Amino acid sequence: MQKVAVVGLGNIGKTHCKYYNENPNVELVAVCDLLEETVHAVAHLYGANAYLDMATMLAEEEIDVVSIATAGEENGGDHYEPAVLAIEAGKNTLVEKPISNDIVKARKMVKLAKEKNVRLVSNLNHRFVPPAYKGKELIEKGELGTLLFLNMKLTIQNPAETSPWFHLRALHPHSVDVMRYFAGDVKRVQAFMTKAPGREIWSTASINIEFTSGAVGHLTGSYDMAVRHPIEYCEVAGNKGRFVIDNVYEHFTFYPHDRDELLTMRNSIMTGVGSFQETFKNRLDHFIQQIEDGVPPADMEASGMHALAGQEVIEAAIRSQLENGAVIDIPAVE
């Protein structure tokens, strides 16, 4: 049984509370937020203890896991201070994406977790769906052969204007992580961006990617699309076959090169992912199960190191835009 505390009780933090509460291997013992009314309401709902100060919570409560969904600039992108408190206390720690909107802080968080031998992971929930598992399985079995290219698209409608790089840092930890999940480390990137009419931020981006394996890829992202349309598309191709995942989890198709028969998975209304929010459940349940199984910090899925590697790609894309489409090498994550 894992004793869990949730820090930050906005919409995402409340979602964390809901799914931790439903997990039979979890006891939600404490919640923490700066807003007194909010923290007491959530604590009452789940029978947890309420705190306005995280350091006090860590000192007074017996906690195994800290889940951090704090708000901040660029859609809650800086979880540095609460994450450092949790890691220093030796707690298994999950942070929302992005791991940090400050790449220096992100590097420090990952370094500290490694030094303390603490599990640090991120809520990169788009990979925690059956179609992604199937795609990964086919790659590892050699069904695609040598990977050649990946095409990724992630687009939603978000009119907020918080910083020039809001779209890149807030949205694309997901898309870059999915690409890295299938193809591995990224070697270099080149980016071109544009602004939709009336916008001040770089709200649409086209990013060329070269992986260390030699495969190439492309990411199209936008905060200017209608929410009623599919938000995500992923195509992964090798010299023996390719697969396509439509809209995160709705449909999966594998196209082998040597036969006409296709492999198709659909999101069944009876057994599939019921809503996008359930991808959070999948991710949080997986995190708890890996802790229960004693998985070492270095082997955790969607770890802090994975999140940092994705953030390095995003920061390189930003630099490419600043340097008029220059090709930017990605630093190694250690």
Protein backbone atom coordinates (compact mmCIF):
# COMPACT_ATOMS: atom_id res chain seq x y z
CA MET A 1 0.00 0.00 0.00
CA GLN A 2 1.44 3.35 -1.10
CA LYS A 3 0.63 6.43 0.96
CA VAL A 4 0.19 9.30 -1.50
CA ALA A 5 0.07 13.09 -1.18
CA VAL A 6 -1.04 15.40 -4.01
CA VAL A 7 0.41 18.91 -4.22
CA GLY A 8 -1.49 21.46 -6.34
CA LEU A 9 -5.26 21.07 -6.54
CA GLY A 10 -6.31 22.68 -9.80
CA ASN A 11 -8.20 20.60 -12.36
CA ILE A 12 -5.25 18.29 -13.00
CA GLY A 13 -4.44 17.87 -9.31
CA LYS A 14 -8.06 16.96 -8.61
CA THR A 15 -7.81 14.39 -11.41
CA HIS A 16 -4.75 12.92 -9.67
CA CYS A 17 -6.72 12.68 -6.44
CA LYS A 18 -9.64 10.95 -8.14
CA TYR A 19 -7.56 8.21 -9.72
CA TYR A 20 -5.23 7.67 -6.78
CA ASN A 21 -8.34 7.28 -4.62
CA GLU A 22 -9.64 4.59 -6.98
CA ASN A 23 -6.39 2.59 -6.90
CA PRO A 24 -6.61 -0.32 -4.41
CA ASN A 25 -2.87 -0.06 -3.73
CA VAL A 26 -3.07 3.60 -2.68
CA GLU A 27 -4.13 5.48 0.42
CA LEU A 28 -4.53 9.20 -0.33
CA VAL A 29 -3.32 10.56 3.01
CA ALA A 30 -2.74 14.28 2.33
CA VAL A 31 -3.38 17.12 -0.09
CA CYS A 32 -1.65 20.48 -0.29
CA ASP A 33 -2.49 23.77 -1.98
CA LEU A 34 -2.03 27.50 -1.36
CA LEU A 35 -5.80 28.09 -1.48
CA GLU A 36 -7.33 27.24 1.89
CA GLU A 37 -10.90 26.77 0.67
CA THR A 38 -9.80 24.45 -2.12
CA VAL A 39 -7.51 22.28 -0.01
CA HIS A 40 -10.11 21.76 2.70
CA ALA A 41 -12.81 20.88 0.16
CA VAL A 42 -10.63 18.27 -1.56
CA ALA A 43 -9.37 16.88 1.76
CA HIS A 44 -12.96 16.48 2.97
CA LEU A 45 -13.99 14.74 -0.26
CA TYR A 46 -11.29 12.07 0.04
CA GLY A 47 -10.83 11.84 3.80
CA ALA A 48 -7.28 13.17 3.56
CA ASN A 49 -5.40 15.68 5.70
CA ALA A 50 -5.19 19.25 4.39
CA TYR A 51 -2.03 21.36 4.25
CA LEU A 52 -1.19 24.85 3.03
CA ASP A 53 2.55 24.25 3.33
CA MET A 54 4.35 21.32 1.70
CA ALA A 55 7.33 21.28 4.06
CA THR A 56 4.96 20.96 7.03
CA MET A 57 3.10 18.15 5.27
CA LEU A 58 6.32 16.22 4.65
CA ALA A 59 7.37 16.66 8.27
CA GLU A 60 4.05 15.57 9.78
CA GLU A 61 2.79 12.84 7.44
CA GLU A 62 4.03 9.34 6.63
CA ILE A 63 4.20 9.56 2.82
CA ASP A 64 5.58 7.22 0.14
CA VAL A 65 4.60 9.15 -2.99
CA VAL A 66 4.25 12.84 -3.83
CA SER A 67 2.30 13.77 -6.95
CA ILE A 68 2.90 17.37 -8.07
CA ALA A 69 0.41 19.29 -10.22
CA THR A 70 1.24 22.84 -9.19
CA ALA A 71 0.22 25.78 -11.35
CA GLY A 72 2.56 28.41 -12.75
CA GLU A 73 3.78 30.17 -15.85
CA GLU A 74 3.19 28.43 -19.20
CA ASN A 75 0.34 26.23 -18.02
CA GLY A 76 1.91 25.10 -14.77
CA GLY A 77 5.34 24.40 -16.19
CA ASP A 78 7.56 24.98 -13.16
CA HIS A 79 7.37 22.26 -10.52
CA TYR A 80 10.95 22.76 -9.39
CA GLU A 81 10.58 23.82 -5.74
CA PRO A 82 7.99 21.20 -4.67
CA ALA A 83 9.84 18.49 -6.61
CA VAL A 84 13.12 19.33 -4.89
CA LEU A 85 11.40 19.19 -1.48
CA ALA A 86 9.94 15.76 -2.30
CA ILE A 87 13.17 14.35 -3.73
CA GLU A 88 15.25 15.66 -0.81
CA ALA A 89 12.79 13.91 1.50
CA GLY A 90 13.35 10.65 -0.40
CA LYS A 91 9.79 10.38 -1.75
CA ASN A 92 8.77 8.74 -5.00
CA THR A 93 7.86 11.78 -7.06
CA LEU A 94 5.61 12.38 -10.06
CA VAL A 95 5.50 15.80 -11.70
CA GLU A 96 3.06 17.03 -14.32
CA LYS A 97 4.42 17.95 -17.71
CA PRO A 98 6.47 19.84 -18.60
CA ILE A 99 9.01 18.70 -16.01
CA SER A 100 9.99 22.39 -15.89
CA ASN A 101 9.69 25.33 -18.27
CA ASP A 102 13.24 26.24 -17.24
CA ILE A 103 15.66 23.73 -18.79
CA VAL A 104 18.35 24.45 -16.19
CA LYS A 105 15.93 23.61 -13.39
CA ALA A 106 14.81 20.48 -15.23
CA ARG A 107 18.41 19.30 -15.44
CA LYS A 108 18.93 19.99 -11.73
CA MET A 109 15.82 18.01 -10.79
CA VAL A 110 16.93 14.96 -12.75
CA LYS A 111 20.47 15.20 -11.40
CA LEU A 112 19.20 15.46 -7.81
CA ALA A 113 16.89 12.46 -8.22
CA LYS A 114 19.81 10.41 -9.57
CA GLU A 115 22.07 11.48 -6.69
CA LYS A 116 19.39 10.63 -4.11
CA ASN A 117 18.41 7.40 -5.92
CA VAL A 118 14.78 8.55 -5.87
CA ARG A 119 12.14 7.62 -8.43
CA LEU A 120 11.23 10.72 -10.45
CA VAL A 121 8.66 10.41 -13.24
CA SER A 122 6.45 12.71 -15.30
CA ASN A 123 2.81 12.47 -16.33
CA LEU A 124 3.49 11.83 -20.02
CA ASN A 125 0.15 10.10 -20.30
CA HIS A 126 -0.19 9.90 -24.10
CA ARG A 127 2.06 6.84 -24.23
CA PHE A 128 0.02 4.94 -21.62
CA VAL A 129 -2.64 3.61 -23.99
CA PRO A 130 -3.16 0.19 -25.65
CA PRO A 131 -2.33 1.38 -29.22
CA ALA A 132 1.03 2.78 -28.06
CA TYR A 133 1.78 -0.48 -26.23
CA LYS A 134 0.97 -2.44 -29.39
CA GLY A 135 3.15 -0.20 -31.55
CA LYS A 136 6.06 -0.58 -29.13
CA GLU A 137 5.57 -4.36 -29.09
CA LEU A 138 5.69 -4.57 -32.90
CA ILE A 139 8.86 -2.46 -33.03
CA GLU A 140 10.59 -4.60 -30.40
CA LYS A 141 9.55 -7.80 -32.22
CA GLY A 142 11.11 -6.48 -35.44
CA GLU A 143 7.80 -6.34 -37.31
CA LEU A 144 8.58 -2.85 -38.67
CA GLY A 145 12.20 -3.69 -39.47
CA THR A 146 14.59 -0.76 -39.37
CA LEU A 147 12.74 2.44 -38.48
CA LEU A 148 12.85 5.01 -41.27
CA PHE A 149 10.48 7.86 -40.38
CA LEU A 150 7.92 9.13 -37.90
CA ASN A 151 5.19 11.69 -38.53
CA MET A 152 3.52 13.23 -35.48
CA LYS A 153 0.77 15.83 -35.19
CA LEU A 154 -0.68 17.31 -32.01
CA THR A 155 -3.11 20.20 -32.35
CA ILE A 156 -5.73 21.73 -30.06
CA GLN A 157 -7.36 25.10 -29.60
CA ASN A 158 -5.84 27.20 -26.83
CA PRO A 159 -6.24 30.98 -27.14
CA ALA A 160 -4.09 31.76 -24.08
CA GLU A 161 -1.13 34.10 -24.60
CA THR A 162 1.25 33.63 -21.68
CA SER A 163 4.67 33.66 -23.37
CA PRO A 164 6.15 33.43 -26.88
CA TRP A 165 6.90 29.72 -26.27
CA PHE A 166 3.74 28.72 -24.40
CA HIS A 167 2.57 26.41 -27.19
CA LEU A 168 5.90 24.60 -27.41
CA ARG A 169 6.55 24.10 -23.70
CA ALA A 170 3.01 23.37 -22.56
CA LEU A 171 1.79 21.04 -25.33
CA HIS A 172 4.70 19.25 -26.93
CA PRO A 173 6.23 17.37 -24.02
CA HIS A 174 3.53 14.87 -25.01
CA SER A 175 4.22 14.65 -28.72
CA VAL A 176 8.02 14.59 -28.38
CA ASP A 177 7.72 11.89 -25.72
CA VAL A 178 5.56 9.70 -27.96
CA MET A 179 8.11 10.07 -30.77
CA ARG A 180 10.99 9.22 -28.42
CA TYR A 181 9.00 6.28 -27.00
CA PHE A 182 8.95 4.69 -30.43
CA ALA A 183 12.24 5.88 -31.98
CA GLY A 184 14.61 6.66 -29.11
CA ASP A 185 16.94 9.59 -28.58
CA VAL A 186 16.91 12.65 -30.83
CA LYS A 187 20.15 13.83 -32.43
CA ARG A 188 19.18 17.23 -33.87
CA VAL A 189 16.21 19.38 -34.80
CA GLN A 190 15.21 22.25 -37.07
CA ALA A 191 12.10 24.33 -36.48
CA PHE A 192 9.92 26.82 -38.30
CA MET A 193 7.03 28.58 -36.57
CA THR A 194 4.22 30.95 -37.38
CA LYS A 195 1.56 33.01 -35.63
CA ALA A 196 -2.15 32.69 -36.42
CA PRO A 197 -4.01 35.94 -37.17
CA GLY A 198 -4.35 38.05 -34.06
CA ARG A 199 -1.83 36.06 -32.04
CA GLU A 200 1.36 37.28 -30.39
CA ILE A 201 2.87 33.88 -29.55
CA TRP A 202 4.37 31.29 -31.90
CA SER A 203 1.17 29.27 -31.98
CA THR A 204 1.92 26.80 -34.81
CA ALA A 205 5.17 24.92 -35.38
CA SER A 206 6.80 22.61 -37.91
CA ILE A 207 9.77 20.70 -36.50
CA ASN A 208 12.15 18.42 -38.41
CA ILE A 209 13.80 15.72 -36.31
CA GLU A 210 16.75 13.36 -36.79
CA PHE A 211 17.06 10.47 -34.35
CA THR A 212 20.37 8.99 -33.24
CA SER A 213 19.29 5.72 -34.88
CA GLY A 214 19.31 7.46 -38.28
CA ALA A 215 15.53 7.59 -38.58
CA VAL A 216 14.00 10.95 -39.45
CA GLY A 217 10.77 12.53 -38.33
CA HIS A 218 8.47 15.49 -38.39
CA LEU A 219 6.24 17.12 -35.79
CA THR A 220 3.40 19.51 -36.62
CA GLY A 221 1.90 21.29 -33.65
CA SER A 222 -0.66 24.03 -33.20
CA TYR A 223 -2.76 25.86 -30.63
CA ASP A 224 -5.03 27.14 -33.42
CA MET A 225 -7.19 24.11 -34.33
CA ALA A 226 -10.83 23.38 -33.49
CA VAL A 227 -11.24 21.06 -30.51
CA ARG A 228 -14.00 19.10 -32.24
CA HIS A 229 -11.47 17.49 -34.61
CA PRO A 230 -8.96 14.70 -33.80
CA ILE A 231 -6.08 16.16 -31.81
CA GLU A 232 -3.30 13.66 -32.43
CA TYR A 233 -1.92 11.52 -35.26
CA CYS A 234 1.17 9.30 -35.15
CA GLU A 235 2.71 7.35 -38.04
CA VAL A 236 5.78 5.14 -37.53
CA ALA A 237 7.36 3.46 -40.56
CA GLY A 238 10.16 0.97 -41.14
CA ASN A 239 11.43 -1.04 -44.08
CA LYS A 240 9.10 -3.96 -43.21
CA GLY A 241 5.91 -2.14 -42.25
CA ARG A 242 4.32 0.88 -40.66
CA PHE A 243 1.59 1.66 -38.15
CA VAL A 244 -0.76 4.57 -37.58
CA ILE A 245 -2.38 5.65 -34.31
CA ASP A 246 -5.37 7.96 -34.70
CA ASN A 247 -6.31 10.41 -31.96
CA VAL A 248 -4.17 9.11 -29.07
CA TYR A 249 -6.05 5.85 -28.52
CA GLU A 250 -9.08 5.65 -30.83
CA HIS A 251 -7.69 3.46 -33.61
CA PHE A 252 -4.49 1.54 -34.47
CA THR A 253 -3.57 0.01 -37.84
CA PHE A 254 -0.42 -1.90 -38.77
CA TYR A 255 0.41 -2.14 -42.49
CA PRO A 256 2.96 -4.91 -43.15
CA HIS A 257 4.84 -4.52 -46.43
CA ASP A 258 4.81 -8.21 -47.38
CA ARG A 259 1.09 -9.02 -47.18
CA ASP A 260 -2.35 -7.50 -47.70
CA GLU A 261 -3.71 -8.51 -44.30
CA LEU A 262 -3.74 -5.62 -41.81
CA LEU A 263 -3.66 -5.63 -38.01
CA THR A 264 -6.29 -3.31 -36.58
CA MET A 265 -7.22 -2.34 -33.04
CA ARG A 266 -10.15 -0.14 -32.14
CA ASN A 267 -11.03 1.47 -28.85
CA SER A 268 -13.95 -0.69 -27.80
CA ILE A 269 -16.75 1.01 -25.88
CA MET A 270 -16.73 -2.02 -23.57
CA THR A 271 -13.01 -2.51 -22.85
CA GLY A 272 -11.13 0.49 -24.21
CA VAL A 273 -10.16 3.90 -22.84
CA GLY A 274 -13.48 5.53 -21.91
CA SER A 275 -12.29 9.13 -22.07
CA PHE A 276 -9.08 11.10 -22.42
CA GLN A 277 -9.01 11.59 -18.65
CA GLU A 278 -8.61 7.84 -18.24
CA THR A 279 -5.15 8.12 -19.79
CA PHE A 280 -4.27 9.80 -16.47
CA LYS A 281 -5.58 6.74 -14.64
CA ASN A 282 -3.46 4.46 -16.82
CA ARG A 283 -0.36 6.51 -16.16
CA LEU A 284 -0.85 6.88 -12.40
CA ASP A 285 -1.76 3.22 -11.97
CA HIS A 286 1.39 2.23 -13.89
CA PHE A 287 3.52 4.48 -11.66
CA ILE A 288 2.12 2.90 -8.50
CA GLN A 289 2.53 -0.62 -9.91
CA GLN A 290 6.17 0.00 -10.78
CA ILE A 291 6.79 1.18 -7.20
CA GLU A 292 4.97 -1.89 -5.83
CA ASP A 293 7.13 -4.08 -8.09
CA GLY A 294 10.33 -2.44 -6.85
CA VAL A 295 11.40 -1.13 -10.25
CA PRO A 296 14.70 0.78 -9.82
CA PRO A 297 14.64 4.57 -10.36
CA ALA A 298 16.69 4.31 -13.55
CA ASP A 299 14.18 1.87 -15.09
CA MET A 300 10.96 3.79 -14.42
CA GLU A 301 8.80 4.42 -17.46
CA ALA A 302 8.28 8.04 -18.53
CA SER A 303 10.96 8.97 -15.99
CA GLY A 304 12.30 12.39 -15.18
CA MET A 305 15.21 11.62 -17.49
CA HIS A 306 12.79 10.85 -20.34
CA ALA A 307 10.90 14.08 -19.62
CA LEU A 308 14.15 16.05 -19.61
CA ALA A 309 15.23 14.49 -22.91
CA GLY A 310 11.95 15.62 -24.45
CA GLN A 311 12.34 19.09 -23.00
CA GLU A 312 15.82 19.35 -24.50
CA VAL A 313 14.22 18.77 -27.92
CA ILE A 314 11.67 21.53 -27.30
CA GLU A 315 14.31 24.00 -26.15
CA ALA A 316 16.40 23.17 -29.22
CA ALA A 317 13.38 23.85 -31.44
CA ILE A 318 12.94 27.23 -29.75
CA ARG A 319 16.60 28.01 -30.34
CA SER A 320 16.26 26.97 -33.99
CA GLN A 321 13.40 29.44 -34.45
CA LEU A 322 15.45 32.19 -32.79
CA GLU A 323 18.34 31.37 -35.13
CA ASN A 324 16.26 31.51 -38.32
CA GLY A 325 15.77 27.77 -38.78
CA ALA A 326 19.25 26.63 -37.80
CA VAL A 327 19.86 22.92 -37.20
CA ILE A 328 20.44 22.43 -33.46
CA ASP A 329 22.23 19.48 -31.87
CA ILE A 330 20.58 17.92 -28.82
CA PRO A 331 22.77 17.58 -25.70
CA ALA A 332 23.06 14.14 -24.13
CA VAL A 333 20.93 13.58 -21.03
CA GLU A 334 22.82 11.90 -18.19
